[in-house]
Amino acid sequence: MKVSSARFVKSAQQPKDFPRDQRPEIAFCGRSNIGKSSLLNTLTNTKGLARTSSTPGRTQTINYFLINDRLYFVDLPGYGYAKVAKEVRKSWGPMVEGYLRDRPQLKLTLMLVDARMPPTESDVLMKQWLDHHRVPSAVVLTKTDKISRNQLQQALRTSALTLNTKEIIPFSAVTLLGRDELLTRIQTAIDIPQ
């Protein structure tokens, strides 16, 4: 898949805010500060499409980006250690779970995990939840440019074992490792007939 256009469309706080045009959707989830914005910007080759921040928890809504006028990339709020009000964080859970569980347009969820450390308990819980609800997903190991090749091989093995998955795509926004593989995986997901 080649991305020729990408633009922010809307932020949603509840299901009534979601687009109603039935285009396929690819969701991006992961702990706060895992690199979702960098991944979105790299996949779309658009600087600043998704805002990057050094402060965890900046994404507090479900953000929709229209890609090639054909599908949506959907940026979900990060889970984990976001320094935001507890009430706000509590409202994310049901909103995100409802989106992931009930959205028929959702074709694939890309779950981002930091390559520099083993998957956290919240990563494991998220993957188990996705598997339990049969949400199609793939794991993306981010920030691979910050570790050696040997460390990457170890990270791939550890993540596969800990998250009980065979589908892990290593990615770096710096070296572009995994970019083409991810775009191909997304193309495959949206081409699957219902």
N, C-alpha and C. Protein backbone atom coordinates (compact mmCIF):
# COMPACT_ATOMS: atom_id res chain seq x y z
N MET A 1 0.84 -1.18 0.00
CA MET A 1 0.00 0.00 0.00
C MET A 1 0.89 1.25 0.00
N LYS A 2 0.50 2.21 -0.81
CA LYS A 2 1.23 3.48 -0.86
C LYS A 2 0.29 4.57 -0.33
N VAL A 3 0.79 5.36 0.60
CA VAL A 3 -0.04 6.44 1.15
C VAL A 3 0.18 7.69 0.33
N SER A 4 -0.88 8.17 -0.33
CA SER A 4 -0.76 9.36 -1.16
C SER A 4 -1.39 10.58 -0.49
N SER A 5 -2.30 10.34 0.45
CA SER A 5 -2.89 11.47 1.19
C SER A 5 -3.26 11.03 2.59
N ALA A 6 -3.12 11.95 3.53
CA ALA A 6 -3.45 11.68 4.93
C ALA A 6 -3.85 12.99 5.59
N ARG A 7 -4.98 12.97 6.29
CA ARG A 7 -5.37 14.18 7.00
C ARG A 7 -6.18 13.82 8.24
N PHE A 8 -6.02 14.65 9.26
CA PHE A 8 -6.79 14.50 10.49
C PHE A 8 -8.24 14.84 10.18
N VAL A 9 -9.18 13.99 10.66
CA VAL A 9 -10.59 14.23 10.39
C VAL A 9 -11.34 14.69 11.63
N LYS A 10 -11.20 13.92 12.73
CA LYS A 10 -11.95 14.29 13.92
C LYS A 10 -11.45 13.54 15.14
N SER A 11 -11.79 14.09 16.31
CA SER A 11 -11.58 13.41 17.58
C SER A 11 -12.93 12.97 18.09
N ALA A 12 -12.99 11.76 18.63
CA ALA A 12 -14.25 11.23 19.14
C ALA A 12 -14.12 10.92 20.63
N GLN A 13 -15.15 11.26 21.39
CA GLN A 13 -15.17 10.94 22.82
C GLN A 13 -16.20 9.89 23.15
N GLN A 14 -17.10 9.64 22.21
CA GLN A 14 -18.10 8.60 22.39
C GLN A 14 -18.56 8.08 21.04
N PRO A 15 -19.20 6.90 21.03
CA PRO A 15 -19.56 6.27 19.75
C PRO A 15 -20.33 7.17 18.77
N LYS A 16 -21.17 8.07 19.30
CA LYS A 16 -21.94 8.93 18.37
C LYS A 16 -21.04 9.87 17.57
N ASP A 17 -19.78 10.04 18.05
CA ASP A 17 -18.83 10.90 17.34
C ASP A 17 -18.07 10.16 16.23
N PHE A 18 -18.17 8.82 16.19
CA PHE A 18 -17.40 8.05 15.20
C PHE A 18 -17.92 8.34 13.79
N PRO A 19 -17.03 8.28 12.77
CA PRO A 19 -17.50 8.44 11.39
C PRO A 19 -18.54 7.37 11.04
N ARG A 20 -19.45 7.73 10.17
CA ARG A 20 -20.52 6.79 9.80
C ARG A 20 -20.43 6.34 8.35
N ASP A 21 -19.29 6.59 7.71
CA ASP A 21 -19.21 6.33 6.27
C ASP A 21 -18.75 4.91 5.92
N GLN A 22 -18.60 4.05 6.91
CA GLN A 22 -18.31 2.62 6.70
C GLN A 22 -16.95 2.32 6.09
N ARG A 23 -16.04 3.29 6.04
CA ARG A 23 -14.69 2.97 5.54
C ARG A 23 -13.99 2.05 6.53
N PRO A 24 -13.10 1.17 6.02
CA PRO A 24 -12.36 0.29 6.94
C PRO A 24 -11.45 1.10 7.87
N GLU A 25 -11.19 0.54 9.06
CA GLU A 25 -10.38 1.24 10.06
C GLU A 25 -9.25 0.35 10.57
N ILE A 26 -8.10 0.97 10.78
CA ILE A 26 -6.93 0.32 11.38
C ILE A 26 -6.64 1.08 12.67
N ALA A 27 -6.69 0.39 13.81
CA ALA A 27 -6.48 1.05 15.10
C ALA A 27 -5.04 0.86 15.57
N PHE A 28 -4.55 1.86 16.28
CA PHE A 28 -3.20 1.84 16.85
C PHE A 28 -3.34 2.00 18.36
N CYS A 29 -2.83 1.02 19.11
CA CYS A 29 -2.92 1.12 20.57
C CYS A 29 -1.58 0.77 21.19
N GLY A 30 -1.41 1.17 22.43
CA GLY A 30 -0.17 0.88 23.15
C GLY A 30 -0.08 1.75 24.38
N ARG A 31 0.92 1.48 25.20
CA ARG A 31 1.12 2.28 26.39
C ARG A 31 1.38 3.74 26.02
N SER A 32 1.16 4.60 26.97
CA SER A 32 1.46 6.02 26.76
C SER A 32 2.93 6.19 26.41
N ASN A 33 3.21 7.07 25.47
CA ASN A 33 4.59 7.40 25.08
C ASN A 33 5.33 6.25 24.39
N ILE A 34 4.59 5.40 23.72
CA ILE A 34 5.19 4.22 23.07
C ILE A 34 5.66 4.53 21.65
N GLY A 35 5.21 5.66 21.10
CA GLY A 35 5.62 6.02 19.74
C GLY A 35 4.52 5.91 18.70
N LYS A 36 3.24 5.97 19.14
CA LYS A 36 2.14 5.87 18.18
C LYS A 36 2.16 7.02 17.18
N SER A 37 2.38 8.23 17.68
CA SER A 37 2.38 9.39 16.78
C SER A 37 3.51 9.30 15.77
N SER A 38 4.70 8.89 16.22
CA SER A 38 5.84 8.72 15.30
C SER A 38 5.54 7.66 14.26
N LEU A 39 4.90 6.57 14.67
CA LEU A 39 4.54 5.49 13.74
C LEU A 39 3.54 6.01 12.70
N LEU A 40 2.50 6.71 13.15
CA LEU A 40 1.51 7.25 12.22
C LEU A 40 2.14 8.23 11.23
N ASN A 41 2.99 9.11 11.74
CA ASN A 41 3.66 10.08 10.86
C ASN A 41 4.57 9.38 9.85
N THR A 42 5.25 8.31 10.28
CA THR A 42 6.15 7.58 9.38
C THR A 42 5.38 6.81 8.32
N LEU A 43 4.31 6.13 8.74
CA LEU A 43 3.52 5.35 7.78
C LEU A 43 2.90 6.25 6.70
N THR A 44 2.50 7.44 7.10
CA THR A 44 1.84 8.35 6.16
C THR A 44 2.82 9.29 5.47
N ASN A 45 4.08 9.25 5.93
CA ASN A 45 5.12 10.14 5.39
C ASN A 45 4.69 11.60 5.52
N THR A 46 4.04 11.90 6.65
CA THR A 46 3.52 13.25 6.87
C THR A 46 3.99 13.74 8.23
N LYS A 47 4.91 14.69 8.22
CA LYS A 47 5.40 15.26 9.48
C LYS A 47 4.29 16.01 10.19
N GLY A 48 4.10 15.71 11.46
CA GLY A 48 3.14 16.46 12.25
C GLY A 48 1.69 16.09 12.05
N LEU A 49 1.40 15.01 11.30
CA LEU A 49 0.01 14.56 11.16
C LEU A 49 -0.55 14.25 12.55
N ALA A 50 0.17 13.37 13.26
CA ALA A 50 -0.16 13.09 14.67
C ALA A 50 0.89 13.81 15.50
N ARG A 51 0.45 14.50 16.53
CA ARG A 51 1.40 15.26 17.34
C ARG A 51 2.18 14.36 18.27
N THR A 52 3.50 14.50 18.23
CA THR A 52 4.34 13.74 19.15
C THR A 52 4.57 14.58 20.40
N SER A 53 4.75 13.88 21.52
CA SER A 53 4.95 14.58 22.78
C SER A 53 5.83 13.75 23.69
N SER A 54 6.61 14.42 24.52
CA SER A 54 7.41 13.68 25.50
C SER A 54 6.59 13.45 26.76
N THR A 55 5.39 14.02 26.82
CA THR A 55 4.53 13.83 27.98
C THR A 55 3.56 12.69 27.72
N PRO A 56 3.62 11.61 28.52
CA PRO A 56 2.69 10.50 28.33
C PRO A 56 1.25 10.95 28.51
N GLY A 57 0.34 10.33 27.75
CA GLY A 57 -1.08 10.55 27.95
C GLY A 57 -1.66 11.75 27.24
N ARG A 58 -0.99 12.23 26.20
CA ARG A 58 -1.52 13.40 25.49
C ARG A 58 -2.77 13.06 24.67
N THR A 59 -2.81 11.86 24.12
CA THR A 59 -3.99 11.46 23.35
C THR A 59 -5.08 11.06 24.33
N GLN A 60 -6.15 11.87 24.41
CA GLN A 60 -7.22 11.58 25.37
C GLN A 60 -8.55 11.33 24.68
N THR A 61 -8.51 11.26 23.36
CA THR A 61 -9.71 10.97 22.58
C THR A 61 -9.32 9.93 21.53
N ILE A 62 -10.32 9.41 20.83
CA ILE A 62 -10.06 8.52 19.70
C ILE A 62 -9.93 9.41 18.47
N ASN A 63 -8.75 9.45 17.87
CA ASN A 63 -8.47 10.37 16.77
C ASN A 63 -8.48 9.64 15.43
N TYR A 64 -9.22 10.20 14.49
CA TYR A 64 -9.39 9.61 13.15
C TYR A 64 -8.58 10.38 12.11
N PHE A 65 -7.81 9.62 11.31
CA PHE A 65 -7.05 10.19 10.20
C PHE A 65 -7.50 9.48 8.93
N LEU A 66 -7.92 10.24 7.93
CA LEU A 66 -8.36 9.67 6.66
C LEU A 66 -7.16 9.46 5.75
N ILE A 67 -6.99 8.23 5.29
CA ILE A 67 -5.84 7.84 4.47
C ILE A 67 -6.31 7.50 3.06
N ASN A 68 -5.73 8.17 2.07
CA ASN A 68 -6.05 7.92 0.64
C ASN A 68 -7.55 8.01 0.35
N ASP A 69 -8.30 8.76 1.16
CA ASP A 69 -9.76 8.84 1.02
C ASP A 69 -10.42 7.47 1.03
N ARG A 70 -9.71 6.45 1.57
CA ARG A 70 -10.20 5.09 1.47
C ARG A 70 -10.38 4.40 2.82
N LEU A 71 -9.55 4.75 3.80
CA LEU A 71 -9.62 4.09 5.10
C LEU A 71 -9.20 5.06 6.19
N TYR A 72 -9.45 4.66 7.45
CA TYR A 72 -9.04 5.49 8.59
C TYR A 72 -7.94 4.79 9.38
N PHE A 73 -6.95 5.59 9.79
CA PHE A 73 -6.04 5.19 10.85
C PHE A 73 -6.64 5.79 12.12
N VAL A 74 -6.77 4.98 13.15
CA VAL A 74 -7.45 5.40 14.37
C VAL A 74 -6.47 5.32 15.54
N ASP A 75 -6.15 6.48 16.10
CA ASP A 75 -5.18 6.59 17.20
C ASP A 75 -5.95 6.54 18.52
N LEU A 76 -5.70 5.48 19.30
CA LEU A 76 -6.41 5.29 20.57
C LEU A 76 -5.59 5.88 21.73
N PRO A 77 -6.26 6.30 22.80
CA PRO A 77 -5.51 6.80 23.96
C PRO A 77 -4.58 5.71 24.50
N GLY A 78 -3.41 6.13 24.98
CA GLY A 78 -2.46 5.17 25.53
C GLY A 78 -2.92 4.62 26.86
N TYR A 79 -2.56 3.37 27.13
CA TYR A 79 -2.85 2.80 28.45
C TYR A 79 -1.57 2.82 29.27
N GLY A 80 -1.69 2.65 30.57
CA GLY A 80 -0.49 2.62 31.39
C GLY A 80 -0.38 3.83 32.30
N TYR A 81 0.73 4.56 32.18
CA TYR A 81 1.09 5.52 33.21
C TYR A 81 0.75 6.96 32.89
N ALA A 82 -0.26 7.19 32.09
CA ALA A 82 -0.60 8.57 31.70
C ALA A 82 -0.88 9.42 32.93
N LYS A 83 -0.22 10.57 33.00
CA LYS A 83 -0.41 11.49 34.14
C LYS A 83 -1.61 12.38 33.86
N VAL A 84 -2.77 11.78 33.86
CA VAL A 84 -4.00 12.55 33.66
C VAL A 84 -4.95 12.21 34.81
N ALA A 85 -5.97 13.02 34.94
CA ALA A 85 -6.93 12.81 36.02
C ALA A 85 -7.51 11.40 35.96
N LYS A 86 -7.69 10.82 37.15
CA LYS A 86 -8.19 9.44 37.25
C LYS A 86 -9.54 9.28 36.56
N GLU A 87 -10.42 10.30 36.72
CA GLU A 87 -11.76 10.20 36.11
C GLU A 87 -11.65 10.11 34.58
N VAL A 88 -10.72 10.89 34.02
CA VAL A 88 -10.52 10.87 32.56
C VAL A 88 -10.03 9.50 32.14
N ARG A 89 -9.04 8.98 32.88
CA ARG A 89 -8.47 7.68 32.54
C ARG A 89 -9.53 6.58 32.65
N LYS A 90 -10.40 6.70 33.68
CA LYS A 90 -11.45 5.69 33.86
C LYS A 90 -12.42 5.68 32.69
N SER A 91 -12.67 6.86 32.12
CA SER A 91 -13.62 6.92 31.00
C SER A 91 -13.01 6.36 29.72
N TRP A 92 -11.65 6.36 29.61
CA TRP A 92 -11.01 5.81 28.41
C TRP A 92 -11.31 4.32 28.28
N GLY A 93 -11.20 3.59 29.40
CA GLY A 93 -11.33 2.14 29.37
C GLY A 93 -12.57 1.68 28.63
N PRO A 94 -13.77 2.06 29.13
CA PRO A 94 -15.00 1.64 28.46
C PRO A 94 -15.09 2.15 27.02
N MET A 95 -14.63 3.40 26.78
CA MET A 95 -14.71 3.97 25.43
C MET A 95 -13.85 3.15 24.46
N VAL A 96 -12.60 2.88 24.85
CA VAL A 96 -11.68 2.14 23.97
C VAL A 96 -12.12 0.69 23.82
N GLU A 97 -12.51 0.06 24.93
CA GLU A 97 -12.98 -1.34 24.85
C GLU A 97 -14.20 -1.44 23.96
N GLY A 98 -15.14 -0.50 24.13
CA GLY A 98 -16.34 -0.51 23.29
C GLY A 98 -15.99 -0.36 21.82
N TYR A 99 -15.07 0.55 21.54
CA TYR A 99 -14.64 0.75 20.16
C TYR A 99 -14.04 -0.54 19.60
N LEU A 100 -13.08 -1.12 20.31
CA LEU A 100 -12.39 -2.32 19.82
C LEU A 100 -13.32 -3.52 19.68
N ARG A 101 -14.26 -3.64 20.60
CA ARG A 101 -15.13 -4.82 20.63
C ARG A 101 -16.28 -4.72 19.63
N ASP A 102 -16.81 -3.49 19.44
CA ASP A 102 -18.09 -3.35 18.74
C ASP A 102 -18.02 -2.67 17.38
N ARG A 103 -16.84 -2.31 16.93
CA ARG A 103 -16.75 -1.52 15.69
C ARG A 103 -16.58 -2.45 14.49
N PRO A 104 -17.62 -2.66 13.68
CA PRO A 104 -17.51 -3.59 12.55
C PRO A 104 -16.50 -3.14 11.49
N GLN A 105 -16.24 -1.82 11.40
CA GLN A 105 -15.30 -1.32 10.40
C GLN A 105 -13.84 -1.61 10.78
N LEU A 106 -13.59 -2.01 12.01
CA LEU A 106 -12.22 -2.26 12.47
C LEU A 106 -11.68 -3.54 11.84
N LYS A 107 -10.63 -3.41 11.04
CA LYS A 107 -10.06 -4.56 10.33
C LYS A 107 -8.80 -5.09 10.99
N LEU A 108 -8.09 -4.24 11.73
CA LEU A 108 -6.83 -4.66 12.35
C LEU A 108 -6.46 -3.68 13.45
N THR A 109 -5.97 -4.22 14.56
CA THR A 109 -5.43 -3.38 15.63
C THR A 109 -3.93 -3.64 15.72
N LEU A 110 -3.16 -2.59 15.57
CA LEU A 110 -1.71 -2.69 15.72
C LEU A 110 -1.36 -2.29 17.14
N MET A 111 -0.85 -3.25 17.90
CA MET A 111 -0.52 -3.03 19.31
C MET A 111 0.98 -2.77 19.43
N LEU A 112 1.33 -1.58 19.89
CA LEU A 112 2.74 -1.18 19.95
C LEU A 112 3.36 -1.53 21.30
N VAL A 113 4.57 -2.10 21.23
CA VAL A 113 5.31 -2.51 22.43
C VAL A 113 6.74 -2.00 22.27
N ASP A 114 7.33 -1.50 23.34
CA ASP A 114 8.70 -0.96 23.32
C ASP A 114 9.71 -2.10 23.22
N ALA A 115 10.54 -2.07 22.17
CA ALA A 115 11.55 -3.13 21.95
C ALA A 115 12.62 -3.15 23.03
N ARG A 116 12.77 -2.04 23.75
CA ARG A 116 13.88 -1.93 24.71
C ARG A 116 13.61 -2.63 26.03
N MET A 117 12.39 -3.10 26.23
CA MET A 117 12.07 -3.79 27.49
C MET A 117 11.06 -4.90 27.23
N PRO A 118 10.99 -5.89 28.12
CA PRO A 118 9.98 -6.94 27.92
C PRO A 118 8.58 -6.35 28.01
N PRO A 119 7.59 -6.97 27.38
CA PRO A 119 6.22 -6.47 27.47
C PRO A 119 5.81 -6.33 28.94
N THR A 120 5.09 -5.25 29.24
CA THR A 120 4.66 -5.00 30.61
C THR A 120 3.38 -5.79 30.90
N GLU A 121 2.97 -5.76 32.15
CA GLU A 121 1.73 -6.43 32.54
C GLU A 121 0.55 -5.84 31.77
N SER A 122 0.54 -4.51 31.57
CA SER A 122 -0.57 -3.90 30.83
C SER A 122 -0.55 -4.31 29.35
N ASP A 123 0.65 -4.54 28.79
CA ASP A 123 0.74 -5.06 27.41
C ASP A 123 0.13 -6.47 27.33
N VAL A 124 0.50 -7.30 28.30
CA VAL A 124 -0.01 -8.69 28.33
C VAL A 124 -1.53 -8.68 28.45
N LEU A 125 -2.05 -7.86 29.37
CA LEU A 125 -3.51 -7.79 29.56
C LEU A 125 -4.21 -7.30 28.30
N MET A 126 -3.62 -6.31 27.62
CA MET A 126 -4.21 -5.79 26.39
C MET A 126 -4.27 -6.87 25.32
N LYS A 127 -3.16 -7.60 25.15
CA LYS A 127 -3.11 -8.65 24.12
C LYS A 127 -4.10 -9.77 24.43
N GLN A 128 -4.17 -10.15 25.71
CA GLN A 128 -5.14 -11.19 26.10
C GLN A 128 -6.56 -10.73 25.84
N TRP A 129 -6.83 -9.44 26.13
CA TRP A 129 -8.16 -8.89 25.90
C TRP A 129 -8.50 -8.92 24.41
N LEU A 130 -7.56 -8.49 23.56
CA LEU A 130 -7.78 -8.50 22.10
C LEU A 130 -8.05 -9.92 21.61
N ASP A 131 -7.24 -10.88 22.09
CA ASP A 131 -7.41 -12.27 21.67
C ASP A 131 -8.76 -12.83 22.15
N HIS A 132 -9.10 -12.54 23.40
CA HIS A 132 -10.35 -13.03 23.98
C HIS A 132 -11.56 -12.54 23.17
N HIS A 133 -11.52 -11.29 22.75
CA HIS A 133 -12.63 -10.71 21.99
C HIS A 133 -12.47 -10.89 20.48
N ARG A 134 -11.47 -11.68 20.11
CA ARG A 134 -11.21 -12.01 18.69
C ARG A 134 -11.06 -10.77 17.82
N VAL A 135 -10.37 -9.79 18.36
CA VAL A 135 -10.07 -8.57 17.59
C VAL A 135 -8.79 -8.86 16.81
N PRO A 136 -8.82 -8.78 15.47
CA PRO A 136 -7.60 -9.06 14.69
C PRO A 136 -6.49 -8.09 15.08
N SER A 137 -5.32 -8.63 15.41
CA SER A 137 -4.25 -7.75 15.87
C SER A 137 -2.88 -8.26 15.45
N ALA A 138 -1.93 -7.35 15.44
CA ALA A 138 -0.52 -7.67 15.23
C ALA A 138 0.28 -6.80 16.19
N VAL A 139 1.41 -7.33 16.66
CA VAL A 139 2.25 -6.59 17.60
C VAL A 139 3.34 -5.87 16.80
N VAL A 140 3.58 -4.61 17.15
CA VAL A 140 4.63 -3.82 16.52
C VAL A 140 5.65 -3.46 17.60
N LEU A 141 6.90 -3.91 17.41
CA LEU A 141 7.98 -3.57 18.35
C LEU A 141 8.57 -2.23 17.92
N THR A 142 8.39 -1.19 18.73
CA THR A 142 8.85 0.15 18.37
C THR A 142 10.25 0.43 18.91
N LYS A 143 10.83 1.50 18.40
CA LYS A 143 12.12 2.03 18.88
C LYS A 143 13.27 1.03 18.71
N THR A 144 13.21 0.24 17.63
CA THR A 144 14.23 -0.79 17.41
C THR A 144 15.60 -0.20 17.07
N ASP A 145 15.63 1.07 16.64
CA ASP A 145 16.92 1.71 16.33
C ASP A 145 17.74 1.96 17.59
N LYS A 146 17.11 1.85 18.75
CA LYS A 146 17.81 2.14 20.01
C LYS A 146 18.46 0.89 20.63
N ILE A 147 18.34 -0.26 19.94
CA ILE A 147 18.95 -1.49 20.46
C ILE A 147 19.78 -2.17 19.36
N SER A 148 20.67 -3.09 19.76
CA SER A 148 21.52 -3.81 18.80
C SER A 148 20.71 -4.89 18.09
N ARG A 149 21.28 -5.46 17.05
CA ARG A 149 20.62 -6.53 16.31
C ARG A 149 20.36 -7.75 17.20
N ASN A 150 21.35 -8.09 18.03
CA ASN A 150 21.19 -9.21 18.97
C ASN A 150 20.07 -8.94 19.97
N GLN A 151 20.04 -7.71 20.48
CA GLN A 151 18.98 -7.34 21.43
C GLN A 151 17.60 -7.38 20.76
N LEU A 152 17.55 -7.03 19.49
CA LEU A 152 16.29 -7.08 18.75
C LEU A 152 15.80 -8.52 18.62
N GLN A 153 16.72 -9.44 18.29
CA GLN A 153 16.34 -10.86 18.17
C GLN A 153 15.79 -11.37 19.50
N GLN A 154 16.45 -10.98 20.59
CA GLN A 154 16.00 -11.38 21.93
C GLN A 154 14.63 -10.76 22.24
N ALA A 155 14.46 -9.49 21.87
CA ALA A 155 13.18 -8.81 22.11
C ALA A 155 12.04 -9.48 21.33
N LEU A 156 12.33 -9.90 20.10
CA LEU A 156 11.32 -10.59 19.29
C LEU A 156 10.91 -11.91 19.94
N ARG A 157 11.90 -12.66 20.43
CA ARG A 157 11.61 -13.95 21.09
C ARG A 157 10.81 -13.73 22.37
N THR A 158 11.26 -12.78 23.19
CA THR A 158 10.60 -12.52 24.47
C THR A 158 9.16 -12.06 24.26
N SER A 159 8.95 -11.16 23.30
CA SER A 159 7.61 -10.65 23.04
C SER A 159 6.70 -11.75 22.51
N ALA A 160 7.21 -12.58 21.61
CA ALA A 160 6.41 -13.67 21.05
C ALA A 160 5.93 -14.61 22.16
N LEU A 161 6.82 -14.90 23.09
CA LEU A 161 6.52 -15.80 24.20
C LEU A 161 5.57 -15.15 25.20
N THR A 162 5.90 -13.93 25.62
CA THR A 162 5.12 -13.24 26.65
C THR A 162 3.71 -12.89 26.16
N LEU A 163 3.60 -12.50 24.90
CA LEU A 163 2.31 -12.07 24.36
C LEU A 163 1.59 -13.19 23.61
N ASN A 164 2.21 -14.36 23.55
CA ASN A 164 1.60 -15.52 22.91
C ASN A 164 1.15 -15.20 21.47
N THR A 165 2.12 -14.71 20.68
CA THR A 165 1.80 -14.34 19.31
C THR A 165 2.94 -14.69 18.37
N LYS A 166 2.60 -14.95 17.12
CA LYS A 166 3.62 -15.20 16.10
C LYS A 166 3.84 -13.97 15.23
N GLU A 167 2.86 -13.07 15.25
CA GLU A 167 2.92 -11.91 14.35
C GLU A 167 3.47 -10.68 15.06
N ILE A 168 4.78 -10.45 14.90
CA ILE A 168 5.43 -9.29 15.48
C ILE A 168 6.23 -8.59 14.38
N ILE A 169 6.03 -7.30 14.24
CA ILE A 169 6.73 -6.54 13.21
C ILE A 169 7.65 -5.53 13.90
N PRO A 170 8.97 -5.67 13.72
CA PRO A 170 9.88 -4.67 14.29
C PRO A 170 9.80 -3.37 13.49
N PHE A 171 9.84 -2.24 14.21
CA PHE A 171 9.65 -0.95 13.55
C PHE A 171 10.56 0.12 14.14
N SER A 172 11.04 1.01 13.27
CA SER A 172 11.77 2.20 13.71
C SER A 172 11.37 3.39 12.86
N ALA A 173 10.97 4.47 13.53
CA ALA A 173 10.64 5.71 12.81
C ALA A 173 11.90 6.38 12.29
N VAL A 174 13.06 6.00 12.85
CA VAL A 174 14.34 6.60 12.45
C VAL A 174 14.91 5.92 11.20
N THR A 175 14.99 4.57 11.24
CA THR A 175 15.59 3.83 10.12
C THR A 175 14.55 3.37 9.09
N LEU A 176 13.26 3.50 9.43
CA LEU A 176 12.12 3.05 8.61
C LEU A 176 12.00 1.53 8.54
N LEU A 177 12.74 0.82 9.40
CA LEU A 177 12.59 -0.64 9.48
C LEU A 177 11.13 -0.97 9.75
N GLY A 178 10.55 -1.86 8.96
CA GLY A 178 9.18 -2.32 9.18
C GLY A 178 8.10 -1.50 8.53
N ARG A 179 8.45 -0.34 8.00
CA ARG A 179 7.42 0.53 7.41
C ARG A 179 6.68 -0.16 6.27
N ASP A 180 7.43 -0.70 5.31
CA ASP A 180 6.79 -1.35 4.16
C ASP A 180 6.01 -2.59 4.58
N GLU A 181 6.57 -3.34 5.53
CA GLU A 181 5.89 -4.55 6.02
C GLU A 181 4.56 -4.19 6.68
N LEU A 182 4.55 -3.11 7.45
CA LEU A 182 3.31 -2.67 8.09
C LEU A 182 2.27 -2.22 7.06
N LEU A 183 2.71 -1.47 6.07
CA LEU A 183 1.77 -1.01 5.04
C LEU A 183 1.19 -2.20 4.26
N THR A 184 2.01 -3.21 4.02
CA THR A 184 1.53 -4.42 3.35
C THR A 184 0.51 -5.15 4.23
N ARG A 185 0.81 -5.23 5.54
CA ARG A 185 -0.10 -5.90 6.48
C ARG A 185 -1.44 -5.16 6.54
N ILE A 186 -1.40 -3.84 6.52
CA ILE A 186 -2.62 -3.03 6.54
C ILE A 186 -3.43 -3.27 5.25
N GLN A 187 -2.73 -3.29 4.12
CA GLN A 187 -3.40 -3.55 2.83
C GLN A 187 -4.11 -4.90 2.85
N THR A 188 -3.42 -5.92 3.36
CA THR A 188 -4.01 -7.26 3.46
C THR A 188 -5.27 -7.23 4.33
N ALA A 189 -5.19 -6.50 5.46
CA ALA A 189 -6.33 -6.46 6.38
C ALA A 189 -7.55 -5.80 5.74
N ILE A 190 -7.35 -4.71 4.99
CA ILE A 190 -8.51 -4.03 4.42
C ILE A 190 -9.03 -4.74 3.16
N ASP A 191 -8.21 -5.62 2.58
CA ASP A 191 -8.65 -6.36 1.40
C ASP A 191 -9.42 -7.63 1.72
N ILE A 192 -9.40 -8.02 3.01
CA ILE A 192 -10.10 -9.26 3.40
C ILE A 192 -11.60 -9.05 3.21
N PRO A 193 -12.24 -9.91 2.40
CA PRO A 193 -13.70 -9.73 2.20
C PRO A 193 -14.44 -10.11 3.48
N GLN A 194 -15.56 -9.45 3.69
CA GLN A 194 -16.36 -9.74 4.91
C GLN A 194 -17.19 -10.97 4.72
